[in-house]
Amino acid sequence: MRNPLRKVVRRTERPEARERAILRTLTVLIPRTYNPDATGVRKRVELSKLVRTFREMRRLFSGYSVQPTTGWYLDENTGKGVRDRHFRFDVDLPVTPSVIESLRKWKNILEVRFEQQAIYMKLSERAIWL
C-alpha cells in the first residue's frame, strides 16, 4: 500500500529552476470614485469596471477578503486632502519575483482603468498560515 503523504512530502523534479515562494499578504485598494476633477467633483466608477476587476480577482487568486473602506490622501497636484472610498482586498499568496512583476503590471492596468494617480497595492512581510 502506498503512503498518501508521500505525494505531499516528495519534491517533484522539474527541468526548469524553481523559484522560491514566500507566503505574503497582498492588499489592494480599488477606488469607488474617480480622482476629483478641476472643480473637486468625484464621479462614481462605472459598475462594469468594478465587475471586471472583481472577476480578475477571482481568476488571479484562489481566495480573498474584501470590505468597503474609507481613507484619505493628500492630492499632490492641489495640495488638498481628499477623502477616498474604495474596496479593500486582502489576499494571501505565495510570492516569487515573477509574481511581483505580474502584480506591478496589473497595478499599471488598474491605474489606467480607474484613471487614478496611483492604485494602493502593498505586500506584507512573510505571513504564516495557522
N, C-alpha and C. Protein backbone atom coordinates (compact mmCIF):
# COMPACT_ATOMS: atom_id res chain seq x y z
N MET A 1 0.84 -1.19 0.00
CA MET A 1 0.00 0.00 0.00
C MET A 1 0.89 1.25 0.00
N ARG A 2 0.55 2.18 -0.85
CA ARG A 2 1.33 3.42 -0.95
C ARG A 2 0.90 4.41 0.10
N ASN A 3 1.86 5.15 0.61
CA ASN A 3 1.60 6.16 1.62
C ASN A 3 1.08 7.42 0.94
N PRO A 4 -0.15 7.91 1.27
CA PRO A 4 -0.69 9.11 0.62
C PRO A 4 0.11 10.37 0.93
N LEU A 5 0.83 10.41 2.05
CA LEU A 5 1.63 11.59 2.39
C LEU A 5 2.87 11.70 1.51
N ARG A 6 3.25 10.62 0.89
CA ARG A 6 4.45 10.64 0.06
C ARG A 6 4.36 11.67 -1.06
N LYS A 7 3.15 11.81 -1.64
CA LYS A 7 2.96 12.81 -2.69
C LYS A 7 3.18 14.22 -2.17
N VAL A 8 2.75 14.43 -0.93
CA VAL A 8 2.86 15.78 -0.35
C VAL A 8 4.31 16.09 0.00
N VAL A 9 5.00 15.12 0.54
CA VAL A 9 6.36 15.34 1.03
C VAL A 9 7.39 15.32 -0.11
N ARG A 10 7.21 14.45 -1.08
CA ARG A 10 8.18 14.30 -2.16
C ARG A 10 8.22 15.55 -3.04
N ARG A 11 9.39 15.99 -3.37
CA ARG A 11 9.55 17.12 -4.29
C ARG A 11 9.46 16.59 -5.70
N THR A 12 8.77 17.34 -6.53
CA THR A 12 8.70 16.95 -7.93
C THR A 12 9.93 17.49 -8.65
N GLU A 13 10.43 16.75 -9.57
CA GLU A 13 11.60 17.15 -10.34
C GLU A 13 11.12 17.89 -11.57
N ARG A 14 11.63 19.08 -11.78
CA ARG A 14 11.27 19.88 -12.95
C ARG A 14 12.53 20.28 -13.68
N PRO A 15 12.46 20.33 -15.00
CA PRO A 15 13.67 20.72 -15.74
C PRO A 15 14.07 22.17 -15.51
N GLU A 16 13.10 23.07 -15.31
CA GLU A 16 13.43 24.47 -15.10
C GLU A 16 13.70 24.73 -13.61
N ALA A 17 14.45 25.75 -13.34
CA ALA A 17 14.75 26.10 -11.95
C ALA A 17 13.47 26.58 -11.27
N ARG A 18 13.25 26.12 -10.07
CA ARG A 18 12.05 26.54 -9.33
C ARG A 18 12.35 27.82 -8.57
N GLU A 19 11.40 28.73 -8.59
CA GLU A 19 11.54 29.96 -7.84
C GLU A 19 11.11 29.70 -6.40
N ARG A 20 11.80 30.30 -5.48
CA ARG A 20 11.44 30.15 -4.07
C ARG A 20 10.29 31.10 -3.77
N ALA A 21 9.19 30.56 -3.26
CA ALA A 21 8.00 31.36 -2.96
C ALA A 21 7.89 31.60 -1.46
N ILE A 22 7.52 32.82 -1.10
CA ILE A 22 7.30 33.19 0.29
C ILE A 22 5.84 33.60 0.43
N LEU A 23 5.16 33.05 1.42
CA LEU A 23 3.77 33.40 1.66
C LEU A 23 3.71 34.82 2.20
N ARG A 24 2.95 35.68 1.51
CA ARG A 24 2.79 37.08 1.92
C ARG A 24 1.34 37.49 1.72
N THR A 25 0.97 38.61 2.30
CA THR A 25 -0.38 39.14 2.15
C THR A 25 -0.33 40.36 1.24
N LEU A 26 -1.16 40.33 0.19
CA LEU A 26 -1.30 41.43 -0.74
C LEU A 26 -2.53 42.23 -0.35
N THR A 27 -2.38 43.54 -0.24
CA THR A 27 -3.51 44.45 0.00
C THR A 27 -3.65 45.35 -1.22
N VAL A 28 -4.88 45.43 -1.76
CA VAL A 28 -5.16 46.26 -2.93
C VAL A 28 -6.40 47.10 -2.62
N LEU A 29 -6.32 48.39 -2.90
CA LEU A 29 -7.49 49.27 -2.74
C LEU A 29 -8.01 49.63 -4.13
N ILE A 30 -9.26 49.24 -4.40
CA ILE A 30 -9.91 49.53 -5.67
C ILE A 30 -10.86 50.71 -5.45
N PRO A 31 -10.67 51.81 -6.19
CA PRO A 31 -11.47 53.02 -5.95
C PRO A 31 -12.93 52.85 -6.34
N ARG A 32 -13.79 53.50 -5.57
CA ARG A 32 -15.23 53.52 -5.89
C ARG A 32 -15.60 54.82 -6.60
N THR A 33 -14.69 55.79 -6.57
CA THR A 33 -14.90 57.06 -7.28
C THR A 33 -13.60 57.44 -7.99
N TYR A 34 -13.73 58.25 -9.03
CA TYR A 34 -12.56 58.75 -9.74
C TYR A 34 -11.89 59.85 -8.93
N ASN A 35 -10.66 60.19 -9.31
CA ASN A 35 -10.00 61.33 -8.69
C ASN A 35 -10.84 62.59 -8.94
N PRO A 36 -10.73 63.58 -8.07
CA PRO A 36 -11.51 64.81 -8.26
C PRO A 36 -11.14 65.51 -9.57
N ASP A 37 -12.16 66.07 -10.23
CA ASP A 37 -11.88 66.86 -11.44
C ASP A 37 -11.44 68.26 -11.01
N ALA A 38 -11.32 69.18 -11.96
CA ALA A 38 -10.82 70.54 -11.67
C ALA A 38 -11.70 71.28 -10.67
N THR A 39 -12.99 70.94 -10.63
CA THR A 39 -13.90 71.60 -9.69
C THR A 39 -14.02 70.85 -8.37
N GLY A 40 -13.28 69.74 -8.23
CA GLY A 40 -13.31 68.97 -6.98
C GLY A 40 -14.39 67.89 -6.94
N VAL A 41 -15.12 67.71 -8.04
CA VAL A 41 -16.20 66.73 -8.09
C VAL A 41 -15.62 65.35 -8.36
N ARG A 42 -16.13 64.35 -7.64
CA ARG A 42 -15.68 62.96 -7.82
C ARG A 42 -16.85 62.16 -8.36
N LYS A 43 -16.70 61.61 -9.55
CA LYS A 43 -17.75 60.79 -10.15
C LYS A 43 -17.56 59.34 -9.72
N ARG A 44 -18.67 58.61 -9.65
CA ARG A 44 -18.61 57.19 -9.30
C ARG A 44 -17.99 56.39 -10.44
N VAL A 45 -17.23 55.36 -10.07
CA VAL A 45 -16.68 54.43 -11.06
C VAL A 45 -17.84 53.60 -11.60
N GLU A 46 -17.82 53.34 -12.90
CA GLU A 46 -18.87 52.55 -13.53
C GLU A 46 -18.86 51.12 -12.97
N LEU A 47 -20.06 50.58 -12.78
CA LEU A 47 -20.21 49.22 -12.26
C LEU A 47 -19.47 48.21 -13.12
N SER A 48 -19.46 48.40 -14.43
CA SER A 48 -18.80 47.45 -15.33
C SER A 48 -17.31 47.33 -15.03
N LYS A 49 -16.65 48.43 -14.66
CA LYS A 49 -15.23 48.38 -14.32
C LYS A 49 -14.99 47.63 -13.02
N LEU A 50 -15.88 47.82 -12.07
CA LEU A 50 -15.76 47.10 -10.81
C LEU A 50 -15.99 45.60 -11.02
N VAL A 51 -17.01 45.25 -11.79
CA VAL A 51 -17.30 43.85 -12.07
C VAL A 51 -16.12 43.20 -12.78
N ARG A 52 -15.55 43.88 -13.75
CA ARG A 52 -14.40 43.34 -14.49
C ARG A 52 -13.24 43.08 -13.54
N THR A 53 -12.98 44.01 -12.62
CA THR A 53 -11.87 43.88 -11.68
C THR A 53 -12.14 42.75 -10.69
N PHE A 54 -13.38 42.63 -10.20
CA PHE A 54 -13.71 41.55 -9.27
C PHE A 54 -13.55 40.20 -9.96
N ARG A 55 -13.91 40.10 -11.22
CA ARG A 55 -13.73 38.85 -11.97
C ARG A 55 -12.25 38.53 -12.13
N GLU A 56 -11.44 39.55 -12.38
CA GLU A 56 -9.99 39.34 -12.46
C GLU A 56 -9.45 38.80 -11.14
N MET A 57 -9.95 39.36 -10.04
CA MET A 57 -9.50 38.90 -8.72
C MET A 57 -9.81 37.41 -8.55
N ARG A 58 -11.00 37.00 -8.93
CA ARG A 58 -11.37 35.58 -8.81
C ARG A 58 -10.50 34.69 -9.69
N ARG A 59 -10.15 35.20 -10.85
CA ARG A 59 -9.33 34.43 -11.78
C ARG A 59 -7.87 34.37 -11.32
N LEU A 60 -7.37 35.45 -10.74
CA LEU A 60 -5.97 35.52 -10.34
C LEU A 60 -5.67 34.81 -9.02
N PHE A 61 -6.63 34.82 -8.10
CA PHE A 61 -6.35 34.34 -6.75
C PHE A 61 -7.35 33.26 -6.33
N SER A 62 -6.91 32.35 -5.48
CA SER A 62 -7.78 31.27 -5.04
C SER A 62 -8.73 31.70 -3.93
N GLY A 63 -8.53 32.86 -3.36
CA GLY A 63 -9.42 33.39 -2.33
C GLY A 63 -8.95 34.77 -1.89
N TYR A 64 -9.86 35.52 -1.31
CA TYR A 64 -9.53 36.86 -0.81
C TYR A 64 -10.61 37.31 0.15
N SER A 65 -10.31 38.37 0.89
CA SER A 65 -11.29 39.06 1.72
C SER A 65 -11.49 40.43 1.11
N VAL A 66 -12.72 40.93 1.14
CA VAL A 66 -12.99 42.27 0.61
C VAL A 66 -13.92 43.00 1.56
N GLN A 67 -13.68 44.29 1.70
CA GLN A 67 -14.55 45.13 2.53
C GLN A 67 -14.55 46.56 2.01
N PRO A 68 -15.69 47.24 2.10
CA PRO A 68 -15.71 48.66 1.73
C PRO A 68 -15.00 49.47 2.81
N THR A 69 -14.14 50.38 2.39
CA THR A 69 -13.39 51.19 3.36
C THR A 69 -13.35 52.64 2.90
N THR A 70 -12.97 53.49 3.83
CA THR A 70 -12.81 54.92 3.54
C THR A 70 -11.42 55.32 4.00
N GLY A 71 -10.74 56.11 3.19
CA GLY A 71 -9.41 56.57 3.53
C GLY A 71 -9.26 58.05 3.22
N TRP A 72 -8.04 58.49 3.20
CA TRP A 72 -7.72 59.89 2.96
C TRP A 72 -6.34 59.94 2.34
N TYR A 73 -6.14 60.88 1.42
CA TYR A 73 -4.81 61.11 0.87
C TYR A 73 -4.64 62.58 0.53
N LEU A 74 -3.39 63.00 0.41
CA LEU A 74 -3.06 64.37 0.04
C LEU A 74 -2.84 64.40 -1.47
N ASP A 75 -3.67 65.15 -2.18
CA ASP A 75 -3.54 65.27 -3.64
C ASP A 75 -2.29 66.08 -3.94
N GLU A 76 -1.34 65.45 -4.63
CA GLU A 76 -0.06 66.13 -4.90
C GLU A 76 -0.20 67.28 -5.89
N ASN A 77 -1.27 67.29 -6.70
CA ASN A 77 -1.47 68.39 -7.67
C ASN A 77 -2.05 69.63 -7.02
N THR A 78 -3.00 69.44 -6.09
CA THR A 78 -3.67 70.59 -5.47
C THR A 78 -3.19 70.88 -4.07
N GLY A 79 -2.54 69.91 -3.43
CA GLY A 79 -2.11 70.07 -2.05
C GLY A 79 -3.24 69.94 -1.05
N LYS A 80 -4.43 69.52 -1.53
CA LYS A 80 -5.60 69.38 -0.65
C LYS A 80 -5.79 67.93 -0.25
N GLY A 81 -6.35 67.75 0.94
CA GLY A 81 -6.70 66.41 1.41
C GLY A 81 -7.97 65.92 0.73
N VAL A 82 -8.00 64.64 0.38
CA VAL A 82 -9.14 64.05 -0.31
C VAL A 82 -9.60 62.81 0.44
N ARG A 83 -10.90 62.77 0.77
CA ARG A 83 -11.47 61.55 1.35
C ARG A 83 -11.69 60.56 0.21
N ASP A 84 -11.36 59.32 0.47
CA ASP A 84 -11.36 58.32 -0.60
C ASP A 84 -12.16 57.10 -0.17
N ARG A 85 -13.11 56.69 -1.01
CA ARG A 85 -13.89 55.47 -0.75
C ARG A 85 -13.41 54.39 -1.71
N HIS A 86 -13.19 53.20 -1.17
CA HIS A 86 -12.67 52.12 -2.00
C HIS A 86 -13.08 50.77 -1.44
N PHE A 87 -12.72 49.71 -2.19
CA PHE A 87 -12.86 48.35 -1.73
C PHE A 87 -11.46 47.86 -1.39
N ARG A 88 -11.31 47.30 -0.20
CA ARG A 88 -10.01 46.76 0.22
C ARG A 88 -10.03 45.25 0.05
N PHE A 89 -9.08 44.74 -0.74
CA PHE A 89 -8.89 43.31 -0.93
C PHE A 89 -7.64 42.88 -0.19
N ASP A 90 -7.74 41.79 0.56
CA ASP A 90 -6.58 41.18 1.19
C ASP A 90 -6.48 39.75 0.68
N VAL A 91 -5.29 39.40 0.18
CA VAL A 91 -5.07 38.10 -0.44
C VAL A 91 -3.78 37.51 0.13
N ASP A 92 -3.83 36.27 0.59
CA ASP A 92 -2.61 35.56 0.98
C ASP A 92 -2.18 34.73 -0.22
N LEU A 93 -0.91 34.86 -0.61
CA LEU A 93 -0.43 34.14 -1.77
C LEU A 93 1.06 33.90 -1.68
N PRO A 94 1.54 32.82 -2.34
CA PRO A 94 2.98 32.61 -2.43
C PRO A 94 3.56 33.59 -3.44
N VAL A 95 4.60 34.30 -3.04
CA VAL A 95 5.17 35.36 -3.87
C VAL A 95 6.57 34.99 -4.33
N THR A 96 6.79 35.12 -5.63
CA THR A 96 8.10 34.93 -6.25
C THR A 96 8.43 36.21 -7.01
N PRO A 97 9.64 36.37 -7.48
CA PRO A 97 9.96 37.56 -8.29
C PRO A 97 9.04 37.71 -9.51
N SER A 98 8.67 36.62 -10.16
CA SER A 98 7.78 36.73 -11.32
C SER A 98 6.38 37.16 -10.92
N VAL A 99 5.92 36.75 -9.74
CA VAL A 99 4.61 37.20 -9.24
C VAL A 99 4.65 38.70 -8.98
N ILE A 100 5.73 39.19 -8.39
CA ILE A 100 5.87 40.63 -8.13
C ILE A 100 5.82 41.41 -9.43
N GLU A 101 6.51 40.93 -10.45
CA GLU A 101 6.50 41.60 -11.75
C GLU A 101 5.09 41.62 -12.35
N SER A 102 4.37 40.52 -12.24
CA SER A 102 2.99 40.46 -12.74
C SER A 102 2.08 41.42 -11.98
N LEU A 103 2.26 41.51 -10.66
CA LEU A 103 1.45 42.44 -9.86
C LEU A 103 1.73 43.89 -10.26
N ARG A 104 2.98 44.21 -10.55
CA ARG A 104 3.31 45.58 -10.99
C ARG A 104 2.61 45.92 -12.31
N LYS A 105 2.59 44.96 -13.22
CA LYS A 105 1.90 45.18 -14.50
C LYS A 105 0.41 45.36 -14.28
N TRP A 106 -0.17 44.51 -13.42
CA TRP A 106 -1.60 44.61 -13.14
C TRP A 106 -1.94 45.94 -12.47
N LYS A 107 -1.05 46.41 -11.57
CA LYS A 107 -1.24 47.72 -10.91
C LYS A 107 -1.33 48.83 -11.96
N ASN A 108 -0.46 48.80 -12.96
CA ASN A 108 -0.49 49.80 -14.03
C ASN A 108 -1.80 49.72 -14.82
N ILE A 109 -2.27 48.50 -15.09
CA ILE A 109 -3.54 48.32 -15.79
C ILE A 109 -4.68 48.95 -14.97
N LEU A 110 -4.68 48.71 -13.67
CA LEU A 110 -5.73 49.26 -12.80
C LEU A 110 -5.67 50.78 -12.75
N GLU A 111 -4.47 51.36 -12.73
CA GLU A 111 -4.34 52.82 -12.71
C GLU A 111 -4.94 53.44 -13.96
N VAL A 112 -4.73 52.81 -15.10
CA VAL A 112 -5.31 53.31 -16.35
C VAL A 112 -6.82 53.09 -16.34
N ARG A 113 -7.26 51.90 -15.97
CA ARG A 113 -8.70 51.58 -15.97
C ARG A 113 -9.50 52.54 -15.10
N PHE A 114 -8.98 52.84 -13.91
CA PHE A 114 -9.71 53.68 -12.97
C PHE A 114 -9.26 55.14 -12.99
N GLU A 115 -8.39 55.48 -13.96
CA GLU A 115 -7.91 56.86 -14.15
C GLU A 115 -7.42 57.45 -12.83
N GLN A 116 -6.54 56.71 -12.17
CA GLN A 116 -6.02 57.11 -10.86
C GLN A 116 -4.58 57.58 -10.96
N GLN A 117 -4.20 58.49 -10.08
CA GLN A 117 -2.81 58.89 -9.97
C GLN A 117 -1.99 57.69 -9.49
N ALA A 118 -2.60 56.87 -8.64
CA ALA A 118 -1.94 55.66 -8.13
C ALA A 118 -2.99 54.72 -7.58
N ILE A 119 -2.72 53.44 -7.68
CA ILE A 119 -3.53 52.41 -7.03
C ILE A 119 -2.70 51.90 -5.85
N TYR A 120 -3.29 51.89 -4.67
CA TYR A 120 -2.59 51.41 -3.49
C TYR A 120 -2.52 49.90 -3.55
N MET A 121 -1.28 49.38 -3.57
CA MET A 121 -1.06 47.95 -3.61
C MET A 121 0.21 47.69 -2.80
N LYS A 122 0.11 46.81 -1.79
CA LYS A 122 1.30 46.52 -0.99
C LYS A 122 1.36 45.04 -0.64
N LEU A 123 2.58 44.56 -0.46
CA LEU A 123 2.83 43.20 0.02
C LEU A 123 3.36 43.29 1.43
N SER A 124 2.82 42.45 2.30
CA SER A 124 3.29 42.39 3.68
C SER A 124 4.61 41.66 3.74
N GLU A 125 5.19 41.66 4.91
CA GLU A 125 6.32 40.77 5.16
C GLU A 125 5.78 39.34 5.19
N ARG A 126 6.61 38.40 5.48
CA ARG A 126 6.24 36.99 5.50
C ARG A 126 4.99 36.75 6.36
N ALA A 127 4.05 35.97 5.81
CA ALA A 127 2.85 35.58 6.54
C ALA A 127 2.95 34.09 6.88
N ILE A 128 2.29 33.70 7.94
CA ILE A 128 2.30 32.30 8.34
C ILE A 128 0.85 31.85 8.52
N TRP A 129 0.46 30.80 7.78
CA TRP A 129 -0.88 30.24 7.95
C TRP A 129 -0.89 29.38 9.20
N LEU A 130 -1.93 29.51 10.00
CA LEU A 130 -2.07 28.69 11.21
C LEU A 130 -3.17 27.67 11.02
